[in-house]
Protein backbone atom coordinates (compact mmCIF):
# COMPACT_ATOMS: atom_id res chain seq x y z
CA MET A 1 17.34 16.79 0.90
CA GLU A 2 18.62 18.16 -2.61
CA SER A 3 21.69 15.58 -2.77
CA THR A 4 19.21 12.73 -1.50
CA LEU A 5 18.31 10.27 -4.06
CA VAL A 6 15.34 7.98 -4.08
CA LYS A 7 17.92 5.04 -4.16
CA ASP A 8 19.22 6.04 -0.80
CA LEU A 9 16.00 5.69 0.80
CA MET A 10 13.90 2.78 -1.09
CA ILE A 11 13.86 -0.38 0.03
CA PRO A 12 15.06 -3.34 -2.29
CA LEU A 13 12.38 -5.25 -3.68
CA GLU A 14 14.18 -8.50 -2.32
CA ASP A 15 13.70 -7.11 0.99
CA TYR A 16 9.93 -6.33 0.70
CA ALA A 17 6.88 -8.53 0.54
CA THR A 18 5.44 -10.11 -2.67
CA VAL A 19 3.22 -12.54 -3.64
CA SER A 20 1.93 -13.86 -6.85
CA GLU A 21 -1.00 -12.16 -8.51
CA ASP A 22 -2.44 -16.26 -8.46
CA ALA A 23 -2.01 -16.40 -4.23
CA THR A 24 -4.77 -16.58 -2.35
CA LEU A 25 -5.44 -13.84 0.40
CA ALA A 26 -3.95 -16.10 3.09
CA ASP A 27 -0.95 -16.76 1.13
CA ALA A 28 -0.43 -13.17 1.00
CA VAL A 29 -0.92 -12.63 4.40
CA MET A 30 2.08 -15.40 5.13
CA ALA A 31 4.27 -13.53 2.69
CA LEU A 32 3.82 -10.37 4.86
CA GLU A 33 4.75 -11.75 7.67
CA GLU A 34 7.67 -13.33 6.38
CA ALA A 35 8.86 -10.16 5.30
CA GLN A 36 8.18 -8.46 8.54
CA SER A 37 10.18 -10.86 10.79
CA SER A 38 13.19 -10.57 8.16
CA PHE A 39 13.27 -6.94 8.06
CA ASP A 40 15.26 -4.31 9.96
CA GLN A 41 13.37 -4.09 13.02
CA ASN A 42 14.71 -0.64 13.76
CA ARG A 43 12.58 0.49 10.69
CA TYR A 44 8.81 1.14 10.06
CA GLN A 45 7.20 -2.35 9.04
CA HIS A 46 6.02 -2.89 5.86
CA ARG A 47 2.25 -1.81 5.04
CA ALA A 48 1.57 -3.33 1.85
CA ILE A 49 2.55 -6.52 -0.36
CA LEU A 50 3.64 -6.30 -4.19
CA VAL A 51 2.25 -8.26 -6.43
CA HIS A 52 3.73 -10.13 -9.19
CA ASP A 53 2.83 -11.73 -12.33
CA LYS A 54 4.02 -15.44 -13.65
CA SER A 55 7.22 -13.61 -15.00
CA GLY A 56 8.18 -11.90 -12.11
CA LYS A 57 7.28 -8.25 -12.89
CA ILE A 58 5.37 -6.18 -10.27
CA VAL A 59 1.92 -5.47 -11.50
CA GLY A 60 0.09 -4.47 -8.57
CA LYS A 61 0.03 -3.89 -4.81
CA LEU A 62 -1.96 -4.93 -1.99
CA SER A 63 -2.21 -2.51 1.01
CA GLN A 64 -3.85 -3.10 4.42
CA LEU A 65 -7.20 -1.47 3.46
CA ASP A 66 -7.27 -3.54 0.11
CA VAL A 67 -7.22 -6.66 2.58
CA LEU A 68 -9.81 -5.71 4.67
CA LYS A 69 -11.79 -4.50 1.89
CA ALA A 70 -11.78 -8.01 0.56
CA LEU A 71 -13.39 -9.47 3.08
CA GLU A 72 -16.61 -7.52 2.51
CA PRO A 73 -18.08 -8.60 -0.98
CA LYS A 74 -20.41 -5.67 -0.95
CA TYR A 75 -17.58 -3.22 -0.12
CA GLY A 76 -17.59 -2.11 -3.74
CA ASP A 77 -20.90 -0.65 -3.42
CA ALA A 78 -20.27 0.86 -0.17
CA ASP A 79 -16.85 2.21 -1.48
CA LYS A 80 -19.18 4.81 -3.42
CA LEU A 81 -20.10 6.01 -0.01
CA LYS A 82 -16.65 6.48 1.43
CA ARG A 83 -15.94 10.38 0.28
CA LEU A 84 -19.40 11.59 1.60
CA ASP A 85 -17.83 13.01 4.77
CA ARG A 86 -16.44 15.57 2.21
CA PHE A 87 -19.66 17.05 1.79
CA GLY A 88 -20.53 17.63 5.43
CA MET A 89 -22.09 13.94 5.66
CA ASP A 90 -21.55 12.98 9.46
CA GLY A 91 -20.92 9.66 10.73
CA ALA A 92 -24.62 9.12 11.91
CA PHE A 93 -25.78 9.69 8.30
CA ILE A 94 -23.06 7.32 6.85
CA ARG A 95 -23.99 4.80 9.26
CA GLY A 96 -27.41 4.86 8.24
CA LEU A 97 -26.86 4.49 4.44
CA ILE A 98 -24.57 1.46 5.35
CA GLU A 99 -27.31 -0.21 7.38
CA GLN A 100 -30.24 0.40 5.25
CA TYR A 101 -28.02 -0.88 2.30
CA GLY A 102 -26.99 -3.88 4.15
CA PHE A 103 -23.04 -3.01 3.96
CA LEU A 104 -20.41 -4.53 6.26
CA LYS A 105 -22.41 -6.95 7.67
CA LYS A 106 -20.24 -9.32 9.82
CA PRO A 107 -16.90 -9.17 7.37
CA LEU A 108 -14.73 -11.29 9.35
CA GLN A 109 -17.31 -14.30 9.53
CA ASN A 110 -15.78 -17.24 7.74
CA ILE A 111 -12.84 -15.35 7.91
CA CYS A 112 -10.28 -18.38 7.22
CA GLN A 113 -12.54 -19.68 4.20
CA LYS A 114 -12.56 -16.61 2.56
CA ALA A 115 -8.77 -15.76 3.19
CA ALA A 116 -8.30 -19.07 1.26
CA ASP A 117 -11.03 -18.21 -1.56
CA ILE A 118 -9.99 -14.87 -2.59
CA ARG A 119 -7.50 -14.04 -5.19
CA VAL A 120 -4.87 -11.50 -5.06
CA LYS A 121 -5.43 -10.82 -8.90
CA ASN A 122 -8.97 -10.03 -8.22
CA ILE A 123 -8.48 -7.40 -5.07
CA MET A 124 -4.91 -5.84 -6.04
CA TYR A 125 -4.26 -2.31 -6.59
CA THR A 126 -2.76 -1.29 -10.09
CA PRO A 127 -0.46 1.57 -9.73
CA SER A 128 -0.69 4.48 -11.84
CA LYS A 129 1.76 6.27 -13.80
CA GLY A 130 2.27 8.82 -11.12
CA GLU A 131 3.28 6.16 -8.58
CA PHE A 132 6.62 5.40 -10.29
CA VAL A 133 10.05 7.35 -9.96
CA SER A 134 13.17 6.77 -11.23
CA GLU A 135 15.74 5.55 -8.61
CA ASN A 136 18.07 8.66 -9.45
CA ALA A 137 15.39 10.86 -8.71
CA ALA A 138 16.08 13.62 -6.44
CA LEU A 139 14.34 12.93 -2.98
CA ASN A 140 12.64 16.60 -3.73
CA GLU A 141 10.81 14.81 -6.79
CA ALA A 142 9.67 11.78 -4.75
CA VAL A 143 8.42 13.89 -2.02
CA LEU A 144 6.31 16.05 -4.53
CA GLN A 145 4.86 12.71 -5.94
CA LEU A 146 3.91 11.70 -3.17
CA LEU A 147 2.17 14.76 -1.94
CA VAL A 148 0.54 15.20 -5.08
CA GLY A 149 -0.99 11.79 -5.51
CA GLN A 150 -1.52 11.43 -1.77
CA HIS A 151 0.31 8.02 -2.15
CA GLN A 152 1.54 5.81 0.55
CA SER A 153 4.55 4.72 -1.53
CA LEU A 154 5.95 5.08 -5.08
CA LEU A 155 7.26 1.94 -6.72
CA VAL A 156 11.33 2.61 -7.54
CA THR A 157 12.59 1.95 -11.35
CA ARG A 158 15.69 1.34 -12.98
CA GLY A 159 15.06 1.18 -16.62
CA GLY A 160 11.92 -0.28 -17.21
CA ASP A 161 12.25 -2.75 -14.35
CA ILE A 162 10.83 -2.00 -10.61
CA VAL A 163 13.77 -2.44 -8.34
CA GLY A 164 12.30 -1.23 -5.11
CA ILE A 165 9.50 0.60 -2.89
CA LEU A 166 9.95 4.24 -1.53
CA ARG A 167 7.46 4.59 1.27
CA LEU A 168 6.03 7.54 2.64
CA THR A 169 6.81 6.45 6.40
CA ASP A 170 11.10 6.55 5.06
CA VAL A 171 10.43 9.98 3.51
CA PHE A 172 9.08 11.10 6.68
CA LYS A 173 11.82 9.98 9.11
CA LYS A 174 14.51 11.62 6.68
CA VAL A 175 12.51 14.62 6.98
CA THR A 176 12.04 14.55 10.56
CA ASP A 177 15.54 13.89 11.16
CA MET A 178 16.87 16.44 9.09
CA ILE A 179 14.57 18.91 11.01
CA LYS A 180 15.99 17.81 14.46
CA ALA A 181 19.59 18.04 12.96
CA CYS A 182 18.67 22.02 12.93
CA ALA A 183 17.62 22.17 16.43
CA ILE A 184 20.98 21.18 17.48
């Protein structure tokens, strides 16, 4: 892994699902579907959509969780409760709070209308500084970034431009292949 570089495992930007920040949630879902259909079927499928601005610059990500959260208008309030389980609050307690405050009531109701009305720029996630890695960085460096930040992916840069994405699933596959090679 010492000699493996990020660019050896990254998925080039042109092979990944992308959508404009002005697109709708429905547009984003269709872009993901289209990218999945043309992607190498022997690799893990994409689990996010990269978001670009009018100039084509990547400005955000839209994860599977972001899509589901967008369907519940009150999720922003419920999001404050998500870490209660770390403090010993069990599922029944959290469900009680959700019921008491009326969170997550029929998020799938009127799903087609919601998907047509929700704009990607309003629900996308803007990556932090720790979510970027140079294409020439050693894979060891990227693994540390993934671990420390608990990220599912890193945006790969060349100069100041984003040229691809390094996914945790691909890093995991590389590591497990290395472990299996030891057993031979």
